[in-house]
């Protein structure tokens, strides 16, 4: 799992959700792809997706329920999960801060 990125453009303005409890910064790559690097503070949040995504957890832990599923999967540092396009997921962080890298899949 990559945790350092070179030759990218970083957007200074953060994407802020849920009153600041989830925040991310966008990285743009020379090939046109993009990733976001983010923090999720304790709570439960639902996100919708347009493009398919891979969420890699780089620190902390979370529980995730993909739309259409009932059971939660626990993910911690080193784990990743994929979310289909035009779908969504609910993510819950019980304590601490969960840090992630979101890759947008084509």
Protein backbone atom coordinates (compact mmCIF):
# COMPACT_ATOMS: atom_id res chain seq x y z
CA UNK A 1 0.00 0.00 0.00
CA UNK A 2 1.42 3.33 -1.07
CA UNK A 3 1.69 6.03 1.58
CA UNK A 4 4.03 8.44 -0.23
CA UNK A 5 3.33 10.01 -3.63
CA UNK A 6 5.70 11.86 -5.94
CA UNK A 7 5.16 14.13 -8.96
CA UNK A 8 1.64 15.12 -7.95
CA UNK A 9 -0.34 18.32 -7.68
CA UNK A 10 -1.87 18.73 -4.21
CA UNK A 11 -4.96 20.90 -3.86
CA UNK A 12 -4.67 23.08 -0.76
CA UNK A 13 -8.40 23.50 -0.17
CA UNK A 14 -9.74 20.53 1.78
CA UNK A 15 -12.92 18.59 1.09
CA UNK A 16 -14.75 18.94 4.42
CA UNK A 17 -17.78 16.82 5.34
CA UNK A 18 -20.00 16.30 8.38
CA UNK A 19 -19.11 19.54 10.17
CA UNK A 20 -15.38 18.87 9.86
CA UNK A 21 -15.45 15.32 11.19
CA UNK A 22 -14.25 14.01 7.81
CA UNK A 23 -11.71 15.92 5.74
CA UNK A 24 -9.53 15.09 2.77
CA UNK A 25 -7.11 16.67 0.32
CA UNK A 26 -6.99 15.81 -3.38
CA UNK A 27 -3.86 14.68 -5.21
CA UNK A 28 -3.81 14.94 -9.02
CA UNK A 29 -1.40 12.69 -10.95
CA UNK A 30 0.26 13.36 -14.32
CA UNK A 31 -1.73 10.49 -15.92
CA UNK A 32 -5.02 12.22 -15.00
CA UNK A 33 -5.87 9.94 -12.05
CA UNK A 34 -6.63 11.29 -8.61
CA UNK A 35 -6.57 10.18 -4.99
CA UNK A 36 -7.69 11.77 -1.77
CA UNK A 37 -5.88 11.59 1.57
CA UNK A 38 -8.20 11.95 4.51
CA UNK A 39 -9.04 11.80 8.18
CA UNK A 40 -12.22 10.45 9.75
CA UNK A 41 -12.97 11.35 13.36
CA UNK A 42 -15.23 9.23 15.59
CA UNK A 43 -18.79 8.89 14.35
CA UNK A 44 -20.85 7.21 11.66
CA UNK A 45 -21.04 8.63 8.13
CA UNK A 46 -22.58 7.60 4.80
CA UNK A 47 -20.90 8.37 1.47
CA UNK A 48 -22.23 7.90 -2.04
CA UNK A 49 -19.95 7.07 -4.95
CA UNK A 50 -20.05 8.00 -8.61
CA UNK A 51 -16.80 6.27 -9.61
CA UNK A 52 -15.60 2.99 -8.15
CA UNK A 53 -13.19 3.56 -5.24
CA UNK A 54 -10.58 1.72 -3.26
CA UNK A 55 -10.23 2.90 0.33
CA UNK A 56 -6.90 1.97 1.90
CA UNK A 57 -6.67 2.43 5.66
CA UNK A 58 -3.25 3.78 6.65
CA UNK A 59 -3.85 4.37 10.37
CA UNK A 60 -6.59 3.63 12.88
CA UNK A 61 -9.58 1.41 12.25
CA UNK A 62 -13.17 1.53 11.08
CA UNK A 63 -16.25 -0.58 10.41
CA UNK A 64 -17.73 -0.47 6.91
CA UNK A 65 -21.09 -1.57 5.53
CA UNK A 66 -21.38 -1.41 1.74
CA UNK A 67 -24.76 -0.35 0.38
CA UNK A 68 -26.95 -3.42 -0.12
CA UNK A 69 -25.14 -5.44 2.55
CA UNK A 70 -26.06 -5.96 6.17
CA UNK A 71 -22.83 -7.08 7.82
CA UNK A 72 -20.06 -4.70 8.80
CA UNK A 73 -16.44 -5.46 7.95
CA UNK A 74 -13.69 -4.19 10.26
CA UNK A 75 -10.70 -2.59 8.55
CA UNK A 76 -7.49 -1.38 10.17
CA UNK A 77 -4.10 -0.06 9.03
CA UNK A 78 -2.90 -2.05 6.03
CA UNK A 79 -6.40 -3.10 4.92
CA UNK A 80 -8.29 -1.88 1.87
CA UNK A 81 -11.82 -2.27 0.55
CA UNK A 82 -13.51 -1.45 -2.74
CA UNK A 83 -16.78 0.35 -3.29
CA UNK A 84 -18.59 -0.08 -6.64
CA UNK A 85 -19.48 2.89 -8.83
CA UNK A 86 -22.90 4.47 -8.28
CA UNK A 87 -23.15 2.93 -4.84
CA UNK A 88 -22.12 3.92 -1.34
CA UNK A 89 -21.01 2.85 2.08
CA UNK A 90 -21.45 3.65 5.75
CA UNK A 91 -18.25 4.01 7.74
CA UNK A 92 -18.01 4.09 11.53
CA UNK A 93 -14.99 5.09 13.58
CA UNK A 94 -15.39 4.16 17.25
CA UNK A 95 -12.34 5.96 18.64
CA UNK A 96 -9.23 7.81 17.58
CA UNK A 97 -8.74 8.97 14.01
CA UNK A 98 -8.93 6.76 10.93
CA UNK A 99 -6.61 7.90 8.13
CA UNK A 100 -7.13 6.74 4.57
CA UNK A 101 -6.06 6.99 0.94
CA UNK A 102 -8.97 6.84 -1.51
CA UNK A 103 -8.09 5.83 -5.08
CA UNK A 104 -10.67 6.47 -7.78
CA UNK A 105 -10.83 3.44 -10.06
CA UNK A 106 -11.69 3.62 -13.74
